[in-house]
Amino acid sequence: EGVRPDNFAIEPNYPNPFNAATIIPYHLPGAGTARLRIYDTQGQLVRRLIEAHQQGGGYRAVWDGLDERGAQVASGNYFAEITWGDQVKIEKMQLLK
């Protein structure tokens, strides 16, 4: 990393499907507030992973399959949604237990 990307992006998480934890790579083209949240297929917020002012560059977030209360979520499909300014990107993930 250390390379400043030209565009805002979220990359596919890995591993996917995952069991214990997954890594969610994302890129910010410049400084700003990044918000990375996990949602279920019903659109319900599962977990807030990142909500912070960050410099431009590449980052990796880790989701351990837990919800906001620290409880393990069920197997199924989830969505990682990153917002930066008025831009939004979404990546689908699959949790298998």
C-alpha atoms as a PDB file:
ATOM      1  CA  GLU A   1       0.000   0.000   0.000  1.00  0.00           C
ATOM      2  CA  GLY A   2       1.256   3.523   0.380  1.00  0.00           C
ATOM      3  CA  VAL A   3       0.203   4.211  -3.218  1.00  0.00           C
ATOM      4  CA  ARG A   4      -2.417   6.931  -3.411  1.00  0.00           C
ATOM      5  CA  PRO A   5      -5.277   5.587  -5.538  1.00  0.00           C
ATOM      6  CA  ASP A   6      -6.963   7.782  -8.127  1.00  0.00           C
ATOM      7  CA  ASN A   7     -10.451   6.620  -7.278  1.00  0.00           C
ATOM      8  CA  PHE A   8     -12.674   5.561  -4.423  1.00  0.00           C
ATOM      9  CA  ALA A   9     -13.097   1.789  -4.307  1.00  0.00           C
ATOM     10  CA  ILE A  10     -13.910  -1.236  -2.210  1.00  0.00           C
ATOM     11  CA  GLU A  11     -12.335  -4.507  -3.277  1.00  0.00           C
ATOM     12  CA  PRO A  12     -13.741  -8.008  -2.844  1.00  0.00           C
ATOM     13  CA  ASN A  13     -13.225  -9.270   0.686  1.00  0.00           C
ATOM     14  CA  TYR A  14     -10.997 -12.279   1.254  1.00  0.00           C
ATOM     15  CA  PRO A  15     -11.467 -15.010   2.005  1.00  0.00           C
ATOM     16  CA  ASN A  16     -14.978 -15.124   0.578  1.00  0.00           C
ATOM     17  CA  PRO A  17     -16.879 -17.137   1.619  1.00  0.00           C
ATOM     18  CA  PHE A  18     -15.369 -16.837   5.093  1.00  0.00           C
ATOM     19  CA  ASN A  19     -15.775 -18.535   8.442  1.00  0.00           C
ATOM     20  CA  ALA A  20     -14.013 -16.744  11.300  1.00  0.00           C
ATOM     21  CA  ALA A  21     -13.017 -13.383   9.812  1.00  0.00           C
ATOM     22  CA  THR A  22     -12.605 -11.618   6.486  1.00  0.00           C
ATOM     23  CA  ILE A  23     -10.492  -8.719   5.250  1.00  0.00           C
ATOM     24  CA  ILE A  24     -12.180  -5.852   3.397  1.00  0.00           C
ATOM     25  CA  PRO A  25      -9.718  -3.748   1.354  1.00  0.00           C
ATOM     26  CA  TYR A  26     -10.687  -0.233   0.326  1.00  0.00           C
ATOM     27  CA  HIS A  27      -9.097   2.857  -1.212  1.00  0.00           C
ATOM     28  CA  LEU A  28      -9.663   6.549  -0.602  1.00  0.00           C
ATOM     29  CA  PRO A  29      -8.540   9.092  -3.223  1.00  0.00           C
ATOM     30  CA  GLY A  30      -7.979  11.777  -0.587  1.00  0.00           C
ATOM     31  CA  ALA A  31      -8.559  12.758   3.019  1.00  0.00           C
ATOM     32  CA  GLY A  32     -12.101  12.562   4.330  1.00  0.00           C
ATOM     33  CA  THR A  33     -14.480  10.734   6.594  1.00  0.00           C
ATOM     34  CA  ALA A  34     -14.783   7.059   5.724  1.00  0.00           C
ATOM     35  CA  ARG A  35     -17.618   4.922   7.042  1.00  0.00           C
ATOM     36  CA  LEU A  36     -17.537   1.145   6.627  1.00  0.00           C
ATOM     37  CA  ARG A  37     -20.640  -0.696   7.738  1.00  0.00           C
ATOM     38  CA  ILE A  38     -21.948  -4.232   7.422  1.00  0.00           C
ATOM     39  CA  TYR A  39     -25.589  -4.861   6.506  1.00  0.00           C
ATOM     40  CA  ASP A  40     -27.687  -8.012   6.204  1.00  0.00           C
ATOM     41  CA  THR A  41     -29.833  -8.889   3.190  1.00  0.00           C
ATOM     42  CA  GLN A  42     -32.800  -7.072   4.779  1.00  0.00           C
ATOM     43  CA  GLY A  43     -30.808  -3.844   4.836  1.00  0.00           C
ATOM     44  CA  GLN A  44     -30.454  -3.881   8.622  1.00  0.00           C
ATOM     45  CA  LEU A  45     -27.233  -2.499  10.096  1.00  0.00           C
ATOM     46  CA  VAL A  46     -25.174  -5.355  11.542  1.00  0.00           C
ATOM     47  CA  ARG A  47     -21.898  -3.661  12.499  1.00  0.00           C
ATOM     48  CA  ARG A  48     -20.101  -0.324  12.224  1.00  0.00           C
ATOM     49  CA  LEU A  49     -16.491  -1.162  11.418  1.00  0.00           C
ATOM     50  CA  ILE A  50     -15.011   2.247  10.622  1.00  0.00           C
ATOM     51  CA  GLU A  51     -16.182   5.790  11.120  1.00  0.00           C
ATOM     52  CA  ALA A  52     -13.134   8.013  11.034  1.00  0.00           C
ATOM     53  CA  HIS A  53     -11.321  10.766   9.202  1.00  0.00           C
ATOM     54  CA  GLN A  54      -8.642   9.055   7.118  1.00  0.00           C
ATOM     55  CA  GLN A  55      -5.957  10.209   4.706  1.00  0.00           C
ATOM     56  CA  GLY A  56      -6.014   9.103   1.078  1.00  0.00           C
ATOM     57  CA  GLY A  57      -4.549   5.651   0.452  1.00  0.00           C
ATOM     58  CA  GLY A  58      -5.236   1.956   0.727  1.00  0.00           C
ATOM     59  CA  TYR A  59      -6.702   0.396   3.862  1.00  0.00           C
ATOM     60  CA  ARG A  60      -7.858  -2.977   5.130  1.00  0.00           C
ATOM     61  CA  ALA A  61     -10.652  -3.551   7.624  1.00  0.00           C
ATOM     62  CA  VAL A  62     -11.316  -6.872   9.349  1.00  0.00           C
ATOM     63  CA  TRP A  63     -14.815  -8.124  10.133  1.00  0.00           C
ATOM     64  CA  ASP A  64     -14.948 -10.948  12.649  1.00  0.00           C
ATOM     65  CA  GLY A  65     -18.563 -11.947  11.956  1.00  0.00           C
ATOM     66  CA  LEU A  66     -19.862 -10.227  15.090  1.00  0.00           C
ATOM     67  CA  ASP A  67     -22.702  -7.723  15.312  1.00  0.00           C
ATOM     68  CA  GLU A  68     -22.790  -4.426  17.240  1.00  0.00           C
ATOM     69  CA  ARG A  69     -23.464  -6.267  20.521  1.00  0.00           C
ATOM     70  CA  GLY A  70     -20.583  -8.692  20.017  1.00  0.00           C
ATOM     71  CA  ALA A  71     -22.835 -11.634  19.130  1.00  0.00           C
ATOM     72  CA  GLN A  72     -21.954 -14.030  16.320  1.00  0.00           C
ATOM     73  CA  VAL A  73     -24.175 -13.482  13.267  1.00  0.00           C
ATOM     74  CA  ALA A  74     -25.798 -16.320  11.332  1.00  0.00           C
ATOM     75  CA  SER A  75     -24.436 -17.859   8.150  1.00  0.00           C
ATOM     76  CA  GLY A  76     -25.592 -16.031   5.048  1.00  0.00           C
ATOM     77  CA  ASN A  77     -24.954 -13.107   2.748  1.00  0.00           C
ATOM     78  CA  TYR A  78     -23.892  -9.706   4.026  1.00  0.00           C
ATOM     79  CA  PHE A  79     -22.912  -6.436   2.411  1.00  0.00           C
ATOM     80  CA  ALA A  80     -19.941  -4.210   3.188  1.00  0.00           C
ATOM     81  CA  GLU A  81     -20.852  -0.602   2.417  1.00  0.00           C
ATOM     82  CA  ILE A  82     -18.190   2.100   2.352  1.00  0.00           C
ATOM     83  CA  THR A  83     -19.066   5.771   2.102  1.00  0.00           C
ATOM     84  CA  TRP A  84     -16.662   8.642   1.503  1.00  0.00           C
ATOM     85  CA  GLY A  85     -18.171  12.064   0.980  1.00  0.00           C
ATOM     86  CA  ASP A  86     -21.266  11.513  -1.146  1.00  0.00           C
ATOM     87  CA  GLN A  87     -19.899   8.355  -2.755  1.00  0.00           C
ATOM     88  CA  VAL A  88     -21.003   4.843  -1.825  1.00  0.00           C
ATOM     89  CA  LYS A  89     -19.581   1.450  -2.811  1.00  0.00           C
ATOM     90  CA  ILE A  90     -20.925  -1.972  -1.811  1.00  0.00           C
ATOM     91  CA  GLU A  91     -19.379  -5.436  -1.861  1.00  0.00           C
ATOM     92  CA  LYS A  92     -21.247  -8.713  -1.200  1.00  0.00           C
ATOM     93  CA  MET A  93     -19.797 -11.213   1.289  1.00  0.00           C
ATOM     94  CA  GLN A  94     -20.775 -14.719   2.340  1.00  0.00           C
ATOM     95  CA  LEU A  95     -20.357 -16.026   5.881  1.00  0.00           C
ATOM     96  CA  LEU A  96     -20.359 -19.819   6.270  1.00  0.00           C
ATOM     97  CA  LYS A  97     -20.358 -21.384   9.726  1.00  0.00           C
END
